[in-house]
Amino acid sequence: MLALCSLAVKAQEKLPLKLIATTPMPGFTGDFDHFGLDLKGNRLFLAAEIHKTVEVFDSGRGAGS
């Protein structure tokens, strides 16, 4: 039984996340509080509570607006 458990744990190992791109945001400080994803529109919505803004990123192009 112990051998089967060790095989199951090993099968669930995942590689660490890999950074593939960055988007500079000059003048932005703080962090994002909430995220939303629009799969059909290829957009990522990020809410910045301190700034009272919603940043929209085109995930197909990797650009923010």
N, C-alpha and C. Protein backbone atom coordinates (compact mmCIF):
# COMPACT_ATOMS: atom_id res chain seq x y z
N MET A 1 0.82 -1.19 0.00
CA MET A 1 0.00 0.00 0.00
C MET A 1 0.86 1.25 0.00
N LEU A 2 1.93 1.25 0.78
CA LEU A 2 2.83 2.39 0.85
C LEU A 2 3.47 2.68 -0.50
N ALA A 3 3.83 1.64 -1.24
CA ALA A 3 4.44 1.81 -2.57
C ALA A 3 3.46 2.48 -3.53
N LEU A 4 2.19 2.11 -3.48
CA LEU A 4 1.19 2.72 -4.35
C LEU A 4 1.00 4.20 -4.02
N CYS A 5 1.03 4.54 -2.75
CA CYS A 5 0.88 5.94 -2.34
C CYS A 5 2.05 6.78 -2.85
N SER A 6 3.25 6.24 -2.79
CA SER A 6 4.41 7.01 -3.24
C SER A 6 4.35 7.21 -4.75
N LEU A 7 3.81 6.27 -5.50
CA LEU A 7 3.65 6.44 -6.94
C LEU A 7 2.62 7.53 -7.25
N ALA A 8 1.55 7.57 -6.50
CA ALA A 8 0.51 8.57 -6.72
C ALA A 8 1.04 9.97 -6.42
N VAL A 9 1.83 10.12 -5.39
CA VAL A 9 2.40 11.43 -5.05
C VAL A 9 3.37 11.87 -6.12
N LYS A 10 4.20 10.98 -6.60
CA LYS A 10 5.18 11.31 -7.63
C LYS A 10 4.47 11.72 -8.93
N ALA A 11 3.35 11.12 -9.27
CA ALA A 11 2.62 11.43 -10.50
C ALA A 11 2.03 12.83 -10.46
N GLN A 12 1.83 13.40 -9.28
CA GLN A 12 1.23 14.71 -9.17
C GLN A 12 2.24 15.85 -9.17
N GLU A 13 3.51 15.54 -9.23
CA GLU A 13 4.52 16.59 -9.25
C GLU A 13 4.39 17.41 -10.52
N LYS A 14 4.50 18.71 -10.39
CA LYS A 14 4.44 19.61 -11.53
C LYS A 14 5.69 20.45 -11.56
N LEU A 15 6.05 20.86 -12.76
CA LEU A 15 7.20 21.75 -12.90
C LEU A 15 6.83 23.12 -12.35
N PRO A 16 7.79 23.89 -11.86
CA PRO A 16 7.50 25.25 -11.39
C PRO A 16 7.05 26.14 -12.54
N LEU A 17 6.35 27.19 -12.19
CA LEU A 17 5.91 28.15 -13.21
C LEU A 17 7.12 28.79 -13.87
N LYS A 18 6.98 29.15 -15.12
CA LYS A 18 8.07 29.75 -15.87
C LYS A 18 7.60 31.09 -16.43
N LEU A 19 8.33 32.15 -16.13
CA LEU A 19 8.01 33.48 -16.65
C LEU A 19 8.33 33.51 -18.13
N ILE A 20 7.33 33.85 -18.96
CA ILE A 20 7.56 33.89 -20.40
C ILE A 20 7.49 35.31 -20.96
N ALA A 21 6.90 36.25 -20.21
CA ALA A 21 6.82 37.63 -20.69
C ALA A 21 6.50 38.56 -19.53
N THR A 22 6.84 39.81 -19.69
CA THR A 22 6.47 40.85 -18.73
C THR A 22 5.87 42.03 -19.49
N THR A 23 5.02 42.77 -18.81
CA THR A 23 4.42 43.97 -19.39
C THR A 23 4.72 45.13 -18.46
N PRO A 24 5.56 46.08 -18.90
CA PRO A 24 5.87 47.21 -18.03
C PRO A 24 4.64 48.08 -17.79
N MET A 25 4.53 48.60 -16.58
CA MET A 25 3.43 49.48 -16.22
C MET A 25 4.01 50.70 -15.52
N PRO A 26 4.57 51.63 -16.30
CA PRO A 26 5.21 52.81 -15.71
C PRO A 26 4.24 53.59 -14.82
N GLY A 27 4.71 53.97 -13.66
CA GLY A 27 3.90 54.77 -12.74
C GLY A 27 2.94 53.98 -11.88
N PHE A 28 2.82 52.69 -12.10
CA PHE A 28 1.90 51.88 -11.30
C PHE A 28 2.63 51.36 -10.06
N THR A 29 2.01 51.56 -8.91
CA THR A 29 2.54 51.00 -7.67
C THR A 29 1.42 50.21 -7.00
N GLY A 30 1.78 49.30 -6.16
CA GLY A 30 0.78 48.50 -5.45
C GLY A 30 0.63 47.14 -6.07
N ASP A 31 -0.53 46.54 -5.84
CA ASP A 31 -0.77 45.21 -6.35
C ASP A 31 -2.18 45.12 -6.91
N PHE A 32 -2.48 43.99 -7.51
CA PHE A 32 -3.80 43.75 -8.06
C PHE A 32 -4.59 42.90 -7.06
N ASP A 33 -5.86 43.25 -6.90
CA ASP A 33 -6.70 42.60 -5.91
C ASP A 33 -7.55 41.47 -6.48
N HIS A 34 -8.01 41.63 -7.71
CA HIS A 34 -8.90 40.64 -8.30
C HIS A 34 -8.55 40.46 -9.77
N PHE A 35 -8.76 39.25 -10.26
CA PHE A 35 -8.47 38.93 -11.65
C PHE A 35 -9.72 38.36 -12.30
N GLY A 36 -9.88 38.62 -13.58
CA GLY A 36 -10.96 38.01 -14.35
C GLY A 36 -10.43 37.67 -15.73
N LEU A 37 -10.89 36.57 -16.29
CA LEU A 37 -10.40 36.10 -17.58
C LEU A 37 -11.55 35.98 -18.56
N ASP A 38 -11.38 36.55 -19.74
CA ASP A 38 -12.33 36.44 -20.84
C ASP A 38 -11.68 35.55 -21.89
N LEU A 39 -11.99 34.26 -21.87
CA LEU A 39 -11.34 33.31 -22.77
C LEU A 39 -11.69 33.59 -24.24
N LYS A 40 -12.94 33.91 -24.53
CA LYS A 40 -13.34 34.15 -25.92
C LYS A 40 -12.69 35.41 -26.48
N GLY A 41 -12.57 36.44 -25.65
CA GLY A 41 -11.98 37.71 -26.09
C GLY A 41 -10.49 37.80 -25.88
N ASN A 42 -9.87 36.75 -25.32
CA ASN A 42 -8.43 36.75 -25.03
C ASN A 42 -8.01 37.95 -24.19
N ARG A 43 -8.81 38.25 -23.16
CA ARG A 43 -8.49 39.39 -22.31
C ARG A 43 -8.36 38.97 -20.85
N LEU A 44 -7.50 39.67 -20.14
CA LEU A 44 -7.32 39.48 -18.70
C LEU A 44 -7.63 40.81 -18.03
N PHE A 45 -8.53 40.79 -17.06
CA PHE A 45 -8.92 41.99 -16.32
C PHE A 45 -8.27 41.94 -14.94
N LEU A 46 -7.62 43.03 -14.55
CA LEU A 46 -6.96 43.13 -13.25
C LEU A 46 -7.50 44.36 -12.53
N ALA A 47 -8.03 44.18 -11.33
CA ALA A 47 -8.56 45.29 -10.55
C ALA A 47 -7.53 45.75 -9.54
N ALA A 48 -7.24 47.06 -9.58
CA ALA A 48 -6.31 47.66 -8.62
C ALA A 48 -7.14 48.52 -7.67
N GLU A 49 -7.40 48.00 -6.48
CA GLU A 49 -8.30 48.65 -5.53
C GLU A 49 -7.79 50.02 -5.11
N ILE A 50 -6.50 50.14 -4.83
CA ILE A 50 -5.94 51.42 -4.37
C ILE A 50 -6.10 52.50 -5.43
N HIS A 51 -5.88 52.13 -6.69
CA HIS A 51 -5.97 53.10 -7.80
C HIS A 51 -7.39 53.27 -8.32
N LYS A 52 -8.29 52.37 -7.90
CA LYS A 52 -9.67 52.38 -8.37
C LYS A 52 -9.73 52.28 -9.90
N THR A 53 -8.93 51.33 -10.44
CA THR A 53 -8.88 51.11 -11.88
C THR A 53 -9.03 49.63 -12.19
N VAL A 54 -9.39 49.36 -13.43
CA VAL A 54 -9.38 48.00 -13.97
C VAL A 54 -8.46 48.04 -15.18
N GLU A 55 -7.40 47.27 -15.14
CA GLU A 55 -6.46 47.17 -16.25
C GLU A 55 -6.89 46.01 -17.12
N VAL A 56 -6.87 46.22 -18.43
CA VAL A 56 -7.28 45.18 -19.39
C VAL A 56 -6.08 44.82 -20.25
N PHE A 57 -5.77 43.53 -20.28
CA PHE A 57 -4.64 43.03 -21.06
C PHE A 57 -5.16 42.13 -22.16
N ASP A 58 -4.65 42.32 -23.36
CA ASP A 58 -4.95 41.44 -24.48
C ASP A 58 -3.99 40.28 -24.40
N SER A 59 -4.46 39.12 -23.94
CA SER A 59 -3.56 37.99 -23.74
C SER A 59 -3.09 37.40 -25.06
N GLY A 60 -3.74 37.71 -26.15
CA GLY A 60 -3.28 37.24 -27.46
C GLY A 60 -2.05 38.00 -27.93
N ARG A 61 -1.98 39.30 -27.61
CA ARG A 61 -0.85 40.13 -28.02
C ARG A 61 0.11 40.39 -26.87
N GLY A 62 -0.36 40.17 -25.65
CA GLY A 62 0.49 40.43 -24.48
C GLY A 62 0.59 41.90 -24.15
N ALA A 63 -0.35 42.71 -24.59
CA ALA A 63 -0.29 44.16 -24.38
C ALA A 63 -1.36 44.61 -23.40
N GLY A 64 -1.06 45.60 -22.61
CA GLY A 64 -2.03 46.17 -21.68
C GLY A 64 -2.61 47.45 -22.23
N SER A 65 -3.79 47.84 -21.74
CA SER A 65 -4.38 49.10 -22.15
C SER A 65 -5.08 49.76 -20.98
